[in-house]
PDB file of N, CA and C in Angstrom:
ATOM      1  N   MET A   1     108.733 110.342 112.121  1.00  0.00           N
ATOM      2  CA  MET A   1     107.261 110.361 111.088  1.00  0.00           C
ATOM      3  C   MET A   1     108.095 109.731 109.518  1.00  0.00           C
ATOM      4  N   ILE A   2     107.139 108.826 109.368  1.00  0.00           N
ATOM      5  CA  ILE A   2     107.449 108.028 108.289  1.00  0.00           C
ATOM      6  C   ILE A   2     106.689 108.663 106.611  1.00  0.00           C
ATOM      7  N   ARG A   3     107.547 108.301 105.771  1.00  0.00           N
ATOM      8  CA  ARG A   3     107.281 109.242 104.437  1.00  0.00           C
ATOM      9  C   ARG A   3     105.925 108.726 103.842  1.00  0.00           C
ATOM     10  N   VAL A   4     105.281 109.699 103.281  1.00  0.00           N
ATOM     11  CA  VAL A   4     104.127 109.013 102.396  1.00  0.00           C
ATOM     12  C   VAL A   4     104.454 107.493 101.384  1.00  0.00           C
ATOM     13  N   GLU A   5     105.597 107.913 100.783  1.00  0.00           N
ATOM     14  CA  GLU A   5     105.640 106.614  99.819  1.00  0.00           C
ATOM     15  C   GLU A   5     106.075 105.192 100.736  1.00  0.00           C
ATOM     16  N   LEU A   6     106.637 105.133 101.685  1.00  0.00           N
ATOM     17  CA  LEU A   6     106.836 103.956 102.716  1.00  0.00           C
ATOM     18  C   LEU A   6     105.837 103.699 103.313  1.00  0.00           C
ATOM     19  N   SER A   7     105.214 104.304 104.112  1.00  0.00           N
ATOM     20  CA  SER A   7     103.799 104.225 104.448  1.00  0.00           C
ATOM     21  C   SER A   7     102.338 104.001 103.895  1.00  0.00           C
ATOM     22  N   GLU A   8     102.913 103.957 102.446  1.00  0.00           N
ATOM     23  CA  GLU A   8     101.886 103.087 101.397  1.00  0.00           C
ATOM     24  C   GLU A   8     101.976 101.889 100.926  1.00  0.00           C
ATOM     25  N   GLY A   9     103.694 102.037 101.042  1.00  0.00           N
ATOM     26  CA  GLY A   9     104.217 100.645 100.831  1.00  0.00           C
ATOM     27  C   GLY A   9     104.153  99.508 101.687  1.00  0.00           C
ATOM     28  N   ILE A  10     104.012  99.968 102.892  1.00  0.00           N
ATOM     29  CA  ILE A  10     103.839  99.264 103.985  1.00  0.00           C
ATOM     30  C   ILE A  10     102.168  98.666 103.670  1.00  0.00           C
ATOM     31  N   SER A  11     101.022  99.647 103.810  1.00  0.00           N
ATOM     32  CA  SER A  11      99.602  99.114 103.436  1.00  0.00           C
ATOM     33  C   SER A  11      99.990  98.003 102.229  1.00  0.00           C
ATOM     34  N   GLU A  12     100.690  98.448 100.892  1.00  0.00           N
ATOM     35  CA  GLU A  12     100.534  97.154 100.305  1.00  0.00           C
ATOM     36  C   GLU A  12     101.279  95.836 100.492  1.00  0.00           C
ATOM     37  N   THR A  13     102.290  95.649 101.376  1.00  0.00           N
ATOM     38  CA  THR A  13     103.135  94.844 102.093  1.00  0.00           C
ATOM     39  C   THR A  13     101.661  94.368 103.207  1.00  0.00           C
ATOM     40  N   LEU A  14     101.383  95.156 103.769  1.00  0.00           N
ATOM     41  CA  LEU A  14      99.961  94.222 104.908  1.00  0.00           C
ATOM     42  C   LEU A  14      98.950  93.489 103.867  1.00  0.00           C
ATOM     43  N   ASP A  15      98.729  94.167 102.843  1.00  0.00           N
ATOM     44  CA  ASP A  15      97.673  93.545 101.840  1.00  0.00           C
ATOM     45  C   ASP A  15      98.075  92.726 100.923  1.00  0.00           C
ATOM     46  N   ILE A  16      99.471  92.453 100.864  1.00  0.00           N
ATOM     47  CA  ILE A  16     100.031  91.031 100.246  1.00  0.00           C
ATOM     48  C   ILE A  16      99.965  89.615 101.473  1.00  0.00           C
ATOM     49  N   LEU A  17     100.654  90.373 102.734  1.00  0.00           N
ATOM     50  CA  LEU A  17     100.464  89.379 103.370  1.00  0.00           C
ATOM     51  C   LEU A  17      98.927  88.810 103.709  1.00  0.00           C
ATOM     52  N   ASN A  18      98.215  89.613 103.497  1.00  0.00           N
ATOM     53  CA  ASN A  18      96.741  89.210 103.902  1.00  0.00           C
ATOM     54  C   ASN A  18      96.332  88.032 103.282  1.00  0.00           C
ATOM     55  N   HIS A  19      97.174  88.203 101.642  1.00  0.00           N
ATOM     56  CA  HIS A  19      96.746  87.296 100.843  1.00  0.00           C
ATOM     57  C   HIS A  19      97.620  86.118 100.696  1.00  0.00           C
ATOM     58  N   ILE A  20      98.318  85.787 101.268  1.00  0.00           N
ATOM     59  CA  ILE A  20      99.505  85.008 101.052  1.00  0.00           C
ATOM     60  C   ILE A  20      99.028  83.702 102.307  1.00  0.00           C
ATOM     61  N   ASP A  21      99.844  82.688 101.911  1.00  0.00           N
ATOM     62  CA  ASP A  21      99.653  81.233 103.074  1.00  0.00           C
ATOM     63  C   ASP A  21     100.013  81.539 104.445  1.00  0.00           C
ATOM     64  N   LYS A  22      99.311  81.516 105.678  1.00  0.00           N
ATOM     65  CA  LYS A  22      99.481  81.762 107.198  1.00  0.00           C
ATOM     66  C   LYS A  22     100.881  80.961 107.335  1.00  0.00           C
ATOM     67  N   ILE A  23     101.288  80.403 107.053  1.00  0.00           N
ATOM     68  CA  ILE A  23     102.632  79.972 107.064  1.00  0.00           C
ATOM     69  C   ILE A  23     104.176  80.521 106.832  1.00  0.00           C
ATOM     70  N   TYR A  24     103.889  81.382 106.456  1.00  0.00           N
ATOM     71  CA  TYR A  24     104.751  82.679 105.815  1.00  0.00           C
ATOM     72  C   TYR A  24     104.750  84.353 106.477  1.00  0.00           C
ATOM     73  N   VAL A  25     103.270  84.047 107.043  1.00  0.00           N
ATOM     74  CA  VAL A  25     103.298  85.327 107.958  1.00  0.00           C
ATOM     75  C   VAL A  25     103.723  85.029 109.125  1.00  0.00           C
ATOM     76  N   ASN A  26     103.255  83.607 109.435  1.00  0.00           N
ATOM     77  CA  ASN A  26     103.591  83.578 110.846  1.00  0.00           C
ATOM     78  C   ASN A  26     105.321  82.978 111.523  1.00  0.00           C
ATOM     79  N   LYS A  27     106.091  83.225 110.155  1.00  0.00           N
ATOM     80  CA  LYS A  27     107.563  83.533 110.177  1.00  0.00           C
ATOM     81  C   LYS A  27     107.952  84.999 110.967  1.00  0.00           C
ATOM     82  N   ILE A  28     107.401  85.744 110.445  1.00  0.00           N
ATOM     83  CA  ILE A  28     107.650  87.228 111.027  1.00  0.00           C
ATOM     84  C   ILE A  28     107.329  87.848 111.918  1.00  0.00           C
ATOM     85  N   PRO A  29     108.098  87.951 112.584  1.00  0.00           N
ATOM     86  CA  PRO A  29     108.155  88.076 114.199  1.00  0.00           C
ATOM     87  C   PRO A  29     107.118  89.453 114.624  1.00  0.00           C
ATOM     88  N   GLU A  30     106.071  89.074 115.526  1.00  0.00           N
ATOM     89  CA  GLU A  30     104.957  90.390 116.049  1.00  0.00           C
ATOM     90  C   GLU A  30     105.617  91.397 115.847  1.00  0.00           C
ATOM     91  N   ASN A  31     106.609  91.679 116.687  1.00  0.00           N
ATOM     92  CA  ASN A  31     107.434  93.346 116.669  1.00  0.00           C
ATOM     93  C   ASN A  31     107.208  93.693 115.021  1.00  0.00           C
ATOM     94  N   PHE A  32     107.672  92.861 114.342  1.00  0.00           N
ATOM     95  CA  PHE A  32     107.861  93.634 113.135  1.00  0.00           C
ATOM     96  C   PHE A  32     106.355  93.833 112.368  1.00  0.00           C
ATOM     97  N   LYS A  33     105.214  92.709 112.250  1.00  0.00           N
ATOM     98  CA  LYS A  33     104.281  92.830 112.049  1.00  0.00           C
ATOM     99  C   LYS A  33     103.253  94.146 112.534  1.00  0.00           C
ATOM    100  N   ARG A  34     103.502  94.314 113.810  1.00  0.00           N
ATOM    101  CA  ARG A  34     103.138  95.753 114.977  1.00  0.00           C
ATOM    102  C   ARG A  34     104.017  96.404 114.140  1.00  0.00           C
ATOM    103  N   PHE A  35     104.890  96.476 113.911  1.00  0.00           N
ATOM    104  CA  PHE A  35     105.349  98.103 113.210  1.00  0.00           C
ATOM    105  C   PHE A  35     104.732  98.247 112.095  1.00  0.00           C
ATOM    106  N   LEU A  36     104.764  97.708 111.193  1.00  0.00           N
ATOM    107  CA  LEU A  36     103.782  97.538 109.506  1.00  0.00           C
ATOM    108  C   LEU A  36     102.561  98.095 110.276  1.00  0.00           C
ATOM    109  N   GLU A  37     101.624  97.544 110.953  1.00  0.00           N
ATOM    110  CA  GLU A  37     100.420  97.617 111.324  1.00  0.00           C
ATOM    111  C   GLU A  37     100.373  99.436 111.573  1.00  0.00           C
ATOM    112  N   LYS A  38     101.297  99.616 112.818  1.00  0.00           N
ATOM    113  CA  LYS A  38     101.322 101.219 113.201  1.00  0.00           C
ATOM    114  C   LYS A  38     101.853 101.964 112.157  1.00  0.00           C
ATOM    115  N   ASN A  39     102.778 101.883 111.308  1.00  0.00           N
ATOM    116  CA  ASN A  39     102.815 102.973 110.239  1.00  0.00           C
ATOM    117  C   ASN A  39     102.612 102.669 108.766  1.00  0.00           C
ATOM    118  N   LYS A  40     101.490 101.863 108.945  1.00  0.00           N
ATOM    119  CA  LYS A  40     100.777 102.028 107.076  1.00  0.00           C
ATOM    120  C   LYS A  40     100.498 102.933 106.934  1.00  0.00           C
ATOM    121  N   SER A  41      99.681 103.463 105.779  1.00  0.00           N
ATOM    122  CA  SER A  41      99.098 104.726 105.709  1.00  0.00           C
ATOM    123  C   SER A  41      97.754 104.422 106.003  1.00  0.00           C
ATOM    124  N   LYS A  42      97.099 105.900 106.572  1.00  0.00           N
ATOM    125  CA  LYS A  42      95.553 106.074 106.998  1.00  0.00           C
ATOM    126  C   LYS A  42      94.901 106.263 105.879  1.00  0.00           C
ATOM    127  N   THR A  43      95.372 106.800 104.906  1.00  0.00           N
ATOM    128  CA  THR A  43      94.309 106.992 103.385  1.00  0.00           C
ATOM    129  C   THR A  43      94.569 106.278 102.445  1.00  0.00           C
ATOM    130  N   TYR A  44      95.631 105.629 102.242  1.00  0.00           N
ATOM    131  CA  TYR A  44      95.655 104.600 101.189  1.00  0.00           C
ATOM    132  C   TYR A  44      95.174 103.621 101.040  1.00  0.00           C
ATOM    133  N   ILE A  45      94.591 103.070 100.339  1.00  0.00           N
ATOM    134  CA  ILE A  45      93.768 101.708  99.940  1.00  0.00           C
ATOM    135  C   ILE A  45      94.543 100.929  98.723  1.00  0.00           C
ATOM    136  N   PRO A  46      95.284 100.031  99.051  1.00  0.00           N
ATOM    137  CA  PRO A  46      96.025  99.417  97.932  1.00  0.00           C
ATOM    138  C   PRO A  46      94.827  98.916  97.049  1.00  0.00           C
ATOM    139  N   LYS A  47      95.182  98.641  95.829  1.00  0.00           N
ATOM    140  CA  LYS A  47      94.182  98.348  94.778  1.00  0.00           C
ATOM    141  C   LYS A  47      95.018  97.044  94.109  1.00  0.00           C
ATOM    142  N   LEU A  48      95.231  95.743  94.791  1.00  0.00           N
ATOM    143  CA  LEU A  48      96.297  95.036  94.114  1.00  0.00           C
ATOM    144  C   LEU A  48      95.575  93.794  93.249  1.00  0.00           C
ATOM    145  N   ASP A  49      96.008  93.408  92.466  1.00  0.00           N
ATOM    146  CA  ASP A  49      95.035  92.513  91.265  1.00  0.00           C
ATOM    147  C   ASP A  49      95.790  90.961  91.790  1.00  0.00           C
ATOM    148  N   HIS A  50      95.368  90.790  92.969  1.00  0.00           N
ATOM    149  CA  HIS A  50      96.053  89.584  93.358  1.00  0.00           C
ATOM    150  C   HIS A  50      95.620  87.952  92.850  1.00  0.00           C
ATOM    151  N   SER A  51      95.386  88.091  91.860  1.00  0.00           N
ATOM    152  CA  SER A  51      95.140  87.076  90.787  1.00  0.00           C
ATOM    153  C   SER A  51      96.569  87.014  89.935  1.00  0.00           C
ATOM    154  N   LYS A  52      97.219  87.675  89.539  1.00  0.00           N
ATOM    155  CA  LYS A  52      98.901  88.158  88.978  1.00  0.00           C
ATOM    156  C   LYS A  52      99.835  87.660  90.096  1.00  0.00           C
ATOM    157  N   LYS A  53     100.553  87.504  89.533  1.00  0.00           N
ATOM    158  CA  LYS A  53     102.241  87.062  90.474  1.00  0.00           C
ATOM    159  C   LYS A  53     102.678  88.510  90.680  1.00  0.00           C
ATOM    160  N   LEU A  54     103.564  88.208  92.085  1.00  0.00           N
ATOM    161  CA  LEU A  54     103.937  89.541  92.415  1.00  0.00           C
ATOM    162  C   LEU A  54     104.797  90.375  91.243  1.00  0.00           C
ATOM    163  N   ASN A  55     105.475  89.895  90.485  1.00  0.00           N
ATOM    164  CA  ASN A  55     106.511  90.685  89.703  1.00  0.00           C
ATOM    165  C   ASN A  55     105.466  90.973  88.454  1.00  0.00           C
ATOM    166  N   GLU A  56     104.220  90.943  88.565  1.00  0.00           N
ATOM    167  CA  GLU A  56     103.142  91.250  87.317  1.00  0.00           C
ATOM    168  C   GLU A  56     102.225  92.463  88.350  1.00  0.00           C
ATOM    169  N   MET A  57     102.304  92.564  89.133  1.00  0.00           N
ATOM    170  CA  MET A  57     101.482  93.600  90.191  1.00  0.00           C
ATOM    171  C   MET A  57     102.257  95.054  89.774  1.00  0.00           C
ATOM    172  N   ASN A  58     101.451  95.915  89.964  1.00  0.00           N
ATOM    173  CA  ASN A  58     102.254  97.746  89.773  1.00  0.00           C
ATOM    174  C   ASN A  58     102.719  97.607  91.212  1.00  0.00           C
ATOM    175  N   LEU A  59     103.491  97.276  91.658  1.00  0.00           N
ATOM    176  CA  LEU A  59     104.118  97.791  93.182  1.00  0.00           C
ATOM    177  C   LEU A  59     104.623  98.765  93.514  1.00  0.00           C
ATOM    178  N   LYS A  60     104.559  99.439  94.745  1.00  0.00           N
ATOM    179  CA  LYS A  60     105.574 100.736  94.647  1.00  0.00           C
ATOM    180  C   LYS A  60     107.062  99.920  94.829  1.00  0.00           C
ATOM    181  N   GLU A  61     107.930 100.844  94.862  1.00  0.00           N
ATOM    182  CA  GLU A  61     109.500 100.378  95.395  1.00  0.00           C
ATOM    183  C   GLU A  61     109.228 100.040  96.459  1.00  0.00           C
ATOM    184  N   SER A  62     108.678 100.985  97.530  1.00  0.00           N
ATOM    185  CA  SER A  62     108.816 100.695  98.799  1.00  0.00           C
ATOM    186  C   SER A  62     108.648  99.432  99.056  1.00  0.00           C
ATOM    187  N   THR A  63     107.234  98.928  98.374  1.00  0.00           N
ATOM    188  CA  THR A  63     106.671  97.625  98.893  1.00  0.00           C
ATOM    189  C   THR A  63     107.687  96.494  98.250  1.00  0.00           C
ATOM    190  N   LYS A  64     108.267  96.833  97.300  1.00  0.00           N
ATOM    191  CA  LYS A  64     109.267  95.535  96.745  1.00  0.00           C
ATOM    192  C   LYS A  64     110.541  95.578  97.606  1.00  0.00           C
ATOM    193  N   ASP A  65     110.856  96.441  98.337  1.00  0.00           N
ATOM    194  CA  ASP A  65     111.923  96.916  99.045  1.00  0.00           C
ATOM    195  C   ASP A  65     111.496  95.853 100.540  1.00  0.00           C
ATOM    196  N   ILE A  66     110.368  96.127 101.175  1.00  0.00           N
ATOM    197  CA  ILE A  66     109.964  95.643 102.442  1.00  0.00           C
ATOM    198  C   ILE A  66     109.630  93.961 102.278  1.00  0.00           C
ATOM    199  N   LEU A  67     109.278  93.513 101.082  1.00  0.00           N
ATOM    200  CA  LEU A  67     108.921  92.180 100.479  1.00  0.00           C
ATOM    201  C   LEU A  67     110.115  91.446 100.709  1.00  0.00           C
ATOM    202  N   ALA A  68     111.073  92.246  99.945  1.00  0.00           N
ATOM    203  CA  ALA A  68     112.900  91.805  99.649  1.00  0.00           C
ATOM    204  C   ALA A  68     113.436  91.401 101.184  1.00  0.00           C
ATOM    205  N   THR A  69     112.887  92.507 102.102  1.00  0.00           N
ATOM    206  CA  THR A  69     113.722  92.661 103.482  1.00  0.00           C
ATOM    207  C   THR A  69     112.757  91.184 104.169  1.00  0.00           C
ATOM    208  N   ILE A  70     111.710  91.307 104.095  1.00  0.00           N
ATOM    209  CA  ILE A  70     110.990  90.189 104.908  1.00  0.00           C
ATOM    210  C   ILE A  70     111.577  89.017 104.408  1.00  0.00           C
ATOM    211  N   TYR A  71     111.820  88.647 102.983  1.00  0.00           N
ATOM    212  CA  TYR A  71     112.040  87.326 102.351  1.00  0.00           C
ATOM    213  C   TYR A  71     113.436  87.342 102.889  1.00  0.00           C
ATOM    214  N   ILE A  72     114.296  88.123 102.339  1.00  0.00           N
ATOM    215  CA  ILE A  72     115.855  87.281 103.442  1.00  0.00           C
ATOM    216  C   ILE A  72     115.797  87.199 104.451  1.00  0.00           C
ATOM    217  N   HIS A  73     115.041  87.919 105.405  1.00  0.00           N
ATOM    218  CA  HIS A  73     115.604  87.953 106.881  1.00  0.00           C
ATOM    219  C   HIS A  73     114.617  86.658 107.752  1.00  0.00           C
ATOM    220  N   TYR A  74     113.272  86.643 106.528  1.00  0.00           N
ATOM    221  CA  TYR A  74     112.661  85.379 107.590  1.00  0.00           C
ATOM    222  C   TYR A  74     112.066  84.123 106.846  1.00  0.00           C
ATOM    223  N   TRP A  75     112.035  84.852 105.478  1.00  0.00           N
ATOM    224  CA  TRP A  75     111.728  83.391 104.656  1.00  0.00           C
ATOM    225  C   TRP A  75     112.549  82.357 104.108  1.00  0.00           C
ATOM    226  N   ALA A  76     113.781  83.149 103.480  1.00  0.00           N
ATOM    227  CA  ALA A  76     115.115  82.521 102.486  1.00  0.00           C
ATOM    228  C   ALA A  76     115.719  81.281 103.390  1.00  0.00           C
ATOM    229  N   ASP A  77     115.981  80.299 102.991  1.00  0.00           N
ATOM    230  CA  ASP A  77     116.566  79.402 103.679  1.00  0.00           C
ATOM    231  C   ASP A  77     118.549  79.764 103.857  1.00  0.00           C
ATOM    232  N   LEU A  78     119.285  79.079 104.232  1.00  0.00           N
ATOM    233  CA  LEU A  78     120.987  79.433 103.928  1.00  0.00           C
ATOM    234  C   LEU A  78     121.359  79.656 102.725  1.00  0.00           C
ATOM    235  N   LYS A  79     120.979  78.592 101.696  1.00  0.00           N
ATOM    236  CA  LYS A  79     121.850  78.682 100.585  1.00  0.00           C
ATOM    237  C   LYS A  79     121.353  79.846  99.662  1.00  0.00           C
ATOM    238  N   GLU A  80     119.398  80.299  99.689  1.00  0.00           N
ATOM    239  CA  GLU A  80     119.096  81.363  99.083  1.00  0.00           C
ATOM    240  C   GLU A  80     119.816  82.733  99.786  1.00  0.00           C
ATOM    241  N   LYS A  81     119.938  82.980 101.108  1.00  0.00           N
ATOM    242  CA  LYS A  81     120.568  83.490 101.483  1.00  0.00           C
ATOM    243  C   LYS A  81     121.761  84.283 101.214  1.00  0.00           C
ATOM    244  N   ALA A  82     122.940  82.993 100.810  1.00  0.00           N
ATOM    245  CA  ALA A  82     123.816  83.122 100.290  1.00  0.00           C
ATOM    246  C   ALA A  82     124.134  83.738  99.019  1.00  0.00           C
ATOM    247  N   GLU A  83     123.463  83.083  98.265  1.00  0.00           N
ATOM    248  CA  GLU A  83     122.931  83.459  96.853  1.00  0.00           C
ATOM    249  C   GLU A  83     122.501  85.079  96.470  1.00  0.00           C
ATOM    250  N   TYR A  84     122.044  85.378  97.929  1.00  0.00           N
ATOM    251  CA  TYR A  84     121.336  87.178  97.682  1.00  0.00           C
ATOM    252  C   TYR A  84     122.561  87.742  97.887  1.00  0.00           C
ATOM    253  N   ASN A  85     123.448  87.653  99.051  1.00  0.00           N
ATOM    254  CA  ASN A  85     124.526  87.966  99.589  1.00  0.00           C
ATOM    255  C   ASN A  85     125.530  88.195  98.450  1.00  0.00           C
ATOM    256  N   ASN A  86     125.965  87.036  97.753  1.00  0.00           N
ATOM    257  CA  ASN A  86     127.004  87.009  96.815  1.00  0.00           C
ATOM    258  C   ASN A  86     126.180  88.188  95.747  1.00  0.00           C
ATOM    259  N   MET A  87     125.097  88.098  95.250  1.00  0.00           N
ATOM    260  CA  MET A  87     124.506  88.913  94.319  1.00  0.00           C
ATOM    261  C   MET A  87     124.718  90.685  94.598  1.00  0.00           C
ATOM    262  N   LEU A  88     124.750  90.851  96.136  1.00  0.00           N
ATOM    263  CA  LEU A  88     124.573  92.284  96.911  1.00  0.00           C
ATOM    264  C   LEU A  88     126.242  92.336  96.582  1.00  0.00           C
ATOM    265  N   ALA A  89     126.974  91.422  96.720  1.00  0.00           N
ATOM    266  CA  ALA A  89     128.286  91.759  96.932  1.00  0.00           C
ATOM    267  C   ALA A  89     129.276  91.864  95.663  1.00  0.00           C
ATOM    268  N   LYS A  90     128.528  91.571  94.493  1.00  0.00           N
ATOM    269  CA  LYS A  90     128.483  91.712  93.299  1.00  0.00           C
ATOM    270  C   LYS A  90     128.323  93.143  92.778  1.00  0.00           C
ATOM    271  N   ASN A  91     127.307  93.430  92.834  1.00  0.00           N
ATOM    272  CA  ASN A  91     126.262  94.410  92.463  1.00  0.00           C
ATOM    273  C   ASN A  91     127.192  95.526  93.392  1.00  0.00           C
ATOM    274  N   GLU A  92     127.625  95.501  94.580  1.00  0.00           N
ATOM    275  CA  GLU A  92     128.561  96.753  95.106  1.00  0.00           C
ATOM    276  C   GLU A  92     129.889  96.798  94.436  1.00  0.00           C
ATOM    277  N   LYS A  93     130.278  95.852  93.897  1.00  0.00           N
ATOM    278  CA  LYS A  93     131.500  95.813  93.438  1.00  0.00           C
ATOM    279  C   LYS A  93     131.475  96.459  91.965  1.00  0.00           C
ATOM    280  N   LYS A  94     130.840  96.101  91.270  1.00  0.00           N
ATOM    281  CA  LYS A  94     130.550  96.524  89.786  1.00  0.00           C
ATOM    282  C   LYS A  94     130.204  97.952  90.414  1.00  0.00           C
ATOM    283  N   TYR A  95     129.081  98.902  91.029  1.00  0.00           N
ATOM    284  CA  TYR A  95     129.174 100.088  91.330  1.00  0.00           C
ATOM    285  C   TYR A  95     130.143 100.745  92.008  1.00  0.00           C
ATOM    286  N   GLN A  96     131.162 100.554  92.419  1.00  0.00           N
ATOM    287  CA  GLN A  96     132.306 101.041  93.099  1.00  0.00           C
ATOM    288  C   GLN A  96     133.296 101.039  91.874  1.00  0.00           C
ATOM    289  N   GLU A  97     133.038 100.117  91.304  1.00  0.00           N
ATOM    290  CA  GLU A  97     133.949  99.829  89.556  1.00  0.00           C
ATOM    291  C   GLU A  97     133.755 101.545  88.982  1.00  0.00           C
ATOM    292  N   GLU A  98     132.534 101.418  89.103  1.00  0.00           N
ATOM    293  CA  GLU A  98     131.986 102.526  87.773  1.00  0.00           C
ATOM    294  C   GLU A  98     131.875 103.724  88.577  1.00  0.00           C
ATOM    295  N   LEU A  99     132.245 104.089  89.825  1.00  0.00           N
ATOM    296  CA  LEU A  99     131.990 105.450  90.468  1.00  0.00           C
ATOM    297  C   LEU A  99     133.747 105.680  90.318  1.00  0.00           C
ATOM    298  N   ARG A 100     134.793 104.647  90.356  1.00  0.00           N
ATOM    299  CA  ARG A 100     136.236 104.509  89.980  1.00  0.00           C
ATOM    300  C   ARG A 100     136.340 105.340  88.966  1.00  0.00           C
ATOM    301  N   LYS A 101     135.867 104.424  87.921  1.00  0.00           N
ATOM    302  CA  LYS A 101     135.772 105.027  86.755  1.00  0.00           C
ATOM    303  C   LYS A 101     135.349 106.603  86.136  1.00  0.00           C
ATOM    304  N   LYS A 102     134.048 106.714  86.646  1.00  0.00           N
ATOM    305  CA  LYS A 102     133.370 108.178  87.016  1.00  0.00           C
ATOM    306  C   LYS A 102     134.177 109.318  87.139  1.00  0.00           C
ATOM    307  N   TYR A 103     135.105 109.031  88.695  1.00  0.00           N
ATOM    308  CA  TYR A 103     135.318 109.882  89.514  1.00  0.00           C
ATOM    309  C   TYR A 103     136.743 109.609  89.765  1.00  0.00           C
ATOM    310  N   ASN A 104     137.485 108.915  88.874  1.00  0.00           N
ATOM    311  CA  ASN A 104     139.121 108.662  88.806  1.00  0.00           C
ATOM    312  C   ASN A 104     139.837 110.084  89.067  1.00  0.00           C
ATOM    313  N   PRO A 105     140.580 110.286  89.838  1.00  0.00           N
ATOM    314  CA  PRO A 105     140.913 111.896  90.030  1.00  0.00           C
ATOM    315  C   PRO A 105     142.403 111.927  88.797  1.00  0.00           C
ATOM    316  N   ASP A 106     142.814 110.606  88.621  1.00  0.00           N
ATOM    317  CA  ASP A 106     143.207 110.957  87.433  1.00  0.00           C
ATOM    318  C   ASP A 106     143.144 111.278  86.244  1.00  0.00           C
ATOM    319  N   ASP A 107     141.722 111.063  86.193  1.00  0.00           N
ATOM    320  CA  ASP A 107     141.167 111.274  84.813  1.00  0.00           C
ATOM    321  C   ASP A 107     140.294 112.388  85.085  1.00  0.00           C
ATOM    322  N   LEU A 108     139.967 113.216  85.767  1.00  0.00           N
ATOM    323  CA  LEU A 108     139.043 113.913  86.070  1.00  0.00           C
ATOM    324  C   LEU A 108     139.557 115.722  85.150  1.00  0.00           C
ATOM    325  N   PHE A 109     140.852 115.209  85.296  1.00  0.00           N
ATOM    326  CA  PHE A 109     141.129 116.934  84.747  1.00  0.00           C
ATOM    327  C   PHE A 109     141.483 116.879  83.024  1.00  0.00           C
ATOM    328  N   LYS A 110     141.685 115.632  82.517  1.00  0.00           N
ATOM    329  CA  LYS A 110     142.302 115.309  80.949  1.00  0.00           C
ATOM    330  C   LYS A 110     141.403 116.005  80.030  1.00  0.00           C
ATOM    331  N   ASN A 111     140.185 116.126  80.284  1.00  0.00           N
ATOM    332  CA  ASN A 111     139.296 116.348  78.976  1.00  0.00           C
ATOM    333  C   ASN A 111     139.266 118.202  79.168  1.00  0.00           C
ATOM    334  N   SER A 112     139.392 118.237  81.025  1.00  0.00           N
ATOM    335  CA  SER A 112     138.983 120.085  80.211  1.00  0.00           C
ATOM    336  C   SER A 112     139.816 120.820  79.850  1.00  0.00           C
ATOM    337  N   LYS A 113     139.254 122.038  79.517  1.00  0.00           N
ATOM    338  CA  LYS A 113     140.240 123.063  78.646  1.00  0.00           C
ATOM    339  C   LYS A 113     140.630 123.877  79.059  1.00  0.00           C
ATOM    340  N   LEU A 114     141.893 124.455  79.590  1.00  0.00           N
ATOM    341  CA  LEU A 114     142.303 125.546  80.359  1.00  0.00           C
ATOM    342  C   LEU A 114     142.279 127.039  79.718  1.00  0.00           C
TER     343      LEU A 114
END
């Protein structure tokens, strides 16, 4: 069973896909579109203002995640995919550095008072 937040995000995603050029929708595999249809919310009805740009809409985080997945897997060209993967690698490196600083075993007990 899919979480409510995700099923609502799927509903928003389908609403967006119904309002974009079919050239892009046709690039998405049928099995993925069937997955979206099967797992959309049965009760949530998106109220998106399609006169606005995507980044101006108040989209759920799960909607943004699904759209990002669709973009990188089905719409992006090789250069865009490389840029995206580079950005992910930089973000992961930064995150790991922050974790090392925060949980460095050499520094964990420096400020503790015994």
